[in-house]
Amino acid sequence: MLVALGTSVLTTFVEWVFVYRKSEYQELQESVEQIQKRIDNAKKETIIIHKGGSINNSKEDQKSLKRKKDMLTREREQLKAKQQELSMFKMKSTVIVGIIMIGVFGLLNNTFDGRVVAKLPFEPISLFHMFTHRNIPGSDFTDCGMLFIYILCSNSFKTCIQKYFGLVDKNAPGMFQVPDVDEE
């Protein structure tokens, strides 16, 4: 667990050195936040106009609604472009972090290969046997190898460290993000 903690601290530091402390990144991040605010405001205005808050179905109101929707589309495209720039900015640190993780994993694999490092209080579903019981002799699937413990600890520590230092992207697309639905 200490190795996972150390690796998480090291990789977060590398990301800070190559990404988060740079003024270009901070400017890009501010730009993304501003665009996101404009999109949120435009969505609210479009919904108010569309739902009949002040619309009389006149041609002027229809033109206003179309202008708002066009502006919203342009803002979304601009947001997507800025987020892509952020991703490209992070590429160098991602490669370095990947190399560090491969090196640490290789070292741990040589040290703990085939050894039981933990005993699970449950038998994991068969899908996870390849992670929990990797290279361990025997058929007791409650025996746990290094890979499972390392992955759990490393991901948990890294997330906590990033949140503690405020290095989490608020506007980055999440794994389970709800898609935008345009109301017609």
Protein backbone atom coordinates (compact mmCIF):
# COMPACT_ATOMS: atom_id res chain seq x y z
CA MET A 1 0.00 0.00 0.00
CA LEU A 2 2.89 2.35 0.67
CA VAL A 3 4.18 1.75 -2.85
CA ALA A 4 0.75 2.67 -4.24
CA LEU A 5 0.68 5.80 -2.09
CA GLY A 6 4.21 6.76 -3.17
CA THR A 7 3.40 6.14 -6.83
CA SER A 8 0.23 8.22 -6.55
CA VAL A 9 2.11 11.11 -4.97
CA LEU A 10 4.87 10.88 -7.59
CA THR A 11 2.49 10.77 -10.56
CA THR A 12 0.40 13.63 -9.19
CA PHE A 13 3.58 15.67 -8.73
CA VAL A 14 4.63 14.90 -12.32
CA GLU A 15 1.22 16.03 -13.55
CA TRP A 16 1.50 19.22 -11.51
CA VAL A 17 4.98 19.95 -12.91
CA PHE A 18 4.04 19.34 -16.53
CA VAL A 19 0.41 20.52 -16.56
CA TYR A 20 -1.38 22.10 -13.63
CA ARG A 21 1.14 24.79 -12.66
CA LYS A 22 1.55 26.14 -16.22
CA SER A 23 -0.16 29.43 -17.01
CA GLU A 24 -1.30 28.17 -20.44
CA TYR A 25 -3.19 25.33 -18.77
CA GLN A 26 -4.77 27.66 -16.23
CA GLU A 27 -5.86 30.04 -19.00
CA LEU A 28 -7.34 27.15 -20.98
CA GLN A 29 -9.16 25.91 -17.89
CA GLU A 30 -10.61 29.38 -17.22
CA SER A 31 -11.68 29.60 -20.84
CA VAL A 32 -13.47 26.25 -20.59
CA GLU A 33 -15.24 27.36 -17.42
CA GLN A 34 -16.38 30.63 -19.05
CA ILE A 35 -17.69 28.82 -22.12
CA GLN A 36 -19.51 26.34 -19.89
CA LYS A 37 -21.18 29.22 -18.01
CA ARG A 38 -22.27 30.80 -21.29
CA ILE A 39 -23.71 27.46 -22.44
CA ASP A 40 -25.61 27.03 -19.18
CA ASN A 41 -27.04 30.56 -19.43
CA ALA A 42 -27.99 30.08 -23.08
CA LYS A 43 -29.72 26.80 -22.23
CA LYS A 44 -31.76 28.50 -19.52
CA GLU A 45 -32.76 31.34 -21.84
CA THR A 46 -33.65 28.95 -24.66
CA ILE A 47 -35.78 26.82 -22.36
CA ILE A 48 -37.58 29.90 -20.99
CA ILE A 49 -38.31 31.18 -24.50
CA HIS A 50 -39.23 27.71 -25.78
CA LYS A 51 -41.54 26.85 -22.87
CA GLY A 52 -43.54 30.01 -23.44
CA GLY A 53 -42.12 32.27 -20.77
CA SER A 54 -42.35 35.30 -23.05
CA ILE A 55 -43.05 33.84 -26.48
CA ASN A 56 -46.06 34.73 -28.59
CA ASN A 57 -45.11 32.49 -31.55
CA SER A 58 -44.42 35.62 -33.56
CA LYS A 59 -41.72 35.67 -36.21
CA GLU A 60 -39.47 37.78 -34.00
CA ASP A 61 -39.73 35.25 -31.18
CA GLN A 62 -39.03 32.37 -33.55
CA LYS A 63 -35.98 34.21 -34.91
CA SER A 64 -34.79 34.87 -31.38
CA LEU A 65 -35.18 31.20 -30.50
CA LYS A 66 -33.27 30.16 -33.63
CA ARG A 67 -30.46 32.65 -32.85
CA LYS A 68 -30.17 31.30 -29.30
CA LYS A 69 -30.02 27.71 -30.55
CA ASP A 70 -27.38 28.62 -33.15
CA MET A 71 -25.34 30.41 -30.50
CA LEU A 72 -25.66 27.37 -28.23
CA THR A 73 -24.40 25.10 -31.02
CA ARG A 74 -21.39 27.37 -31.66
CA GLU A 75 -20.58 27.52 -27.95
CA ARG A 76 -20.71 23.72 -27.68
CA GLU A 77 -18.34 23.38 -30.62
CA GLN A 78 -16.00 25.92 -29.03
CA LEU A 79 -16.16 24.02 -25.71
CA LYS A 80 -15.34 20.75 -27.45
CA ALA A 81 -12.33 22.37 -29.16
CA LYS A 82 -11.03 23.84 -25.87
CA GLN A 83 -11.43 20.50 -24.10
CA GLN A 84 -9.47 18.85 -26.89
CA GLU A 85 -6.72 21.45 -26.41
CA LEU A 86 -6.66 20.60 -22.70
CA SER A 87 -6.31 16.91 -23.54
CA MET A 88 -3.41 17.60 -25.89
CA PHE A 89 -1.78 19.77 -23.24
CA LYS A 90 -1.91 16.85 -20.80
CA MET A 91 -0.46 14.33 -23.28
CA LYS A 92 3.19 14.70 -22.21
CA SER A 93 2.42 14.11 -18.54
CA THR A 94 0.18 11.17 -19.43
CA VAL A 95 3.05 9.47 -21.27
CA ILE A 96 5.47 10.08 -18.39
CA VAL A 97 2.95 8.82 -15.83
CA GLY A 98 2.37 5.73 -17.98
CA ILE A 99 6.09 4.98 -18.06
CA ILE A 100 6.33 5.39 -14.27
CA MET A 101 3.35 3.08 -13.73
CA ILE A 102 4.77 0.41 -16.06
CA GLY A 103 8.10 0.55 -14.24
CA VAL A 104 6.54 0.31 -10.78
CA PHE A 105 4.21 -2.46 -11.88
CA GLY A 106 7.13 -4.42 -13.35
CA LEU A 107 9.07 -4.06 -10.11
CA LEU A 108 6.10 -5.15 -8.00
CA ASN A 109 5.33 -8.02 -10.34
CA ASN A 110 8.90 -9.35 -10.02
CA THR A 111 8.73 -9.06 -6.23
CA PHE A 112 5.24 -10.44 -5.55
CA ASP A 113 4.56 -12.74 -8.52
CA GLY A 114 2.76 -15.88 -7.35
CA ARG A 115 2.50 -14.76 -3.71
CA VAL A 116 -0.71 -14.35 -1.77
CA VAL A 117 -0.71 -10.84 -0.31
CA ALA A 118 -4.25 -10.77 1.08
CA LYS A 119 -7.18 -13.01 1.90
CA LEU A 120 -10.50 -11.66 0.65
CA PRO A 121 -13.54 -12.08 2.93
CA PHE A 122 -15.59 -13.07 -0.13
CA GLU A 123 -15.14 -14.91 -3.39
CA PRO A 124 -15.18 -12.39 -6.24
CA ILE A 125 -17.32 -13.00 -9.30
CA SER A 126 -15.56 -14.95 -12.02
CA LEU A 127 -15.03 -11.85 -14.14
CA PHE A 128 -12.62 -10.47 -11.50
CA HIS A 129 -10.69 -13.71 -10.91
CA MET A 130 -8.06 -12.63 -13.44
CA PHE A 131 -7.32 -9.56 -11.28
CA THR A 132 -7.64 -11.00 -7.79
CA HIS A 133 -6.07 -14.43 -8.39
CA ARG A 134 -3.44 -13.55 -11.01
CA ASN A 135 -0.48 -16.01 -11.06
CA ILE A 136 -1.47 -17.53 -7.71
CA PRO A 137 -1.39 -21.34 -7.58
CA GLY A 138 -4.43 -23.16 -6.24
CA SER A 139 -8.14 -22.78 -6.66
CA ASP A 140 -9.00 -20.79 -3.52
CA PHE A 141 -10.28 -17.61 -5.14
CA THR A 142 -10.35 -15.76 -1.83
CA ASP A 143 -6.54 -15.60 -2.09
CA CYS A 144 -5.59 -12.24 -3.53
CA GLY A 145 -2.51 -11.22 -5.46
CA MET A 146 -0.65 -7.94 -5.71
CA LEU A 147 -2.41 -6.66 -8.85
CA PHE A 148 -5.85 -6.24 -7.29
CA ILE A 149 -4.60 -4.57 -4.10
CA TYR A 150 -2.26 -2.27 -6.04
CA ILE A 151 -4.97 -1.15 -8.49
CA LEU A 152 -7.47 -0.45 -5.70
CA CYS A 153 -5.00 1.45 -3.54
CA SER A 154 -3.39 3.38 -6.38
CA ASN A 155 -6.69 4.61 -7.83
CA SER A 156 -8.08 5.50 -4.41
CA PHE A 157 -4.97 7.37 -3.30
CA LYS A 158 -4.57 9.24 -6.58
CA THR A 159 -8.18 10.44 -6.55
CA CYS A 160 -7.90 11.61 -2.93
CA ILE A 161 -4.58 13.39 -3.54
CA GLN A 162 -5.91 15.17 -6.64
CA LYS A 163 -9.05 16.30 -4.81
CA TYR A 164 -7.03 17.46 -1.80
CA PHE A 165 -4.78 19.66 -3.95
CA GLY A 166 -7.64 20.83 -6.19
CA LEU A 167 -6.26 19.23 -9.35
CA VAL A 168 -9.51 17.65 -10.51
CA ASP A 169 -11.00 19.03 -13.72
CA LYS A 170 -14.51 20.17 -12.92
CA ASN A 171 -15.63 20.32 -16.55
CA ALA A 172 -13.94 17.20 -17.84
CA PRO A 173 -16.40 14.73 -19.29
CA GLY A 174 -17.08 12.06 -16.72
CA MET A 175 -17.34 8.36 -17.23
CA PHE A 176 -21.07 8.36 -16.56
CA GLN A 177 -21.99 11.82 -17.79
CA VAL A 178 -25.62 12.46 -18.66
CA PRO A 179 -25.89 13.50 -22.32
CA ASP A 180 -27.37 16.86 -23.26
CA VAL A 181 -30.89 16.66 -24.62
CA ASP A 182 -32.02 19.50 -26.83
CA GLU A 183 -35.65 20.32 -26.29
CA GLU A 184 -37.45 20.87 -29.56
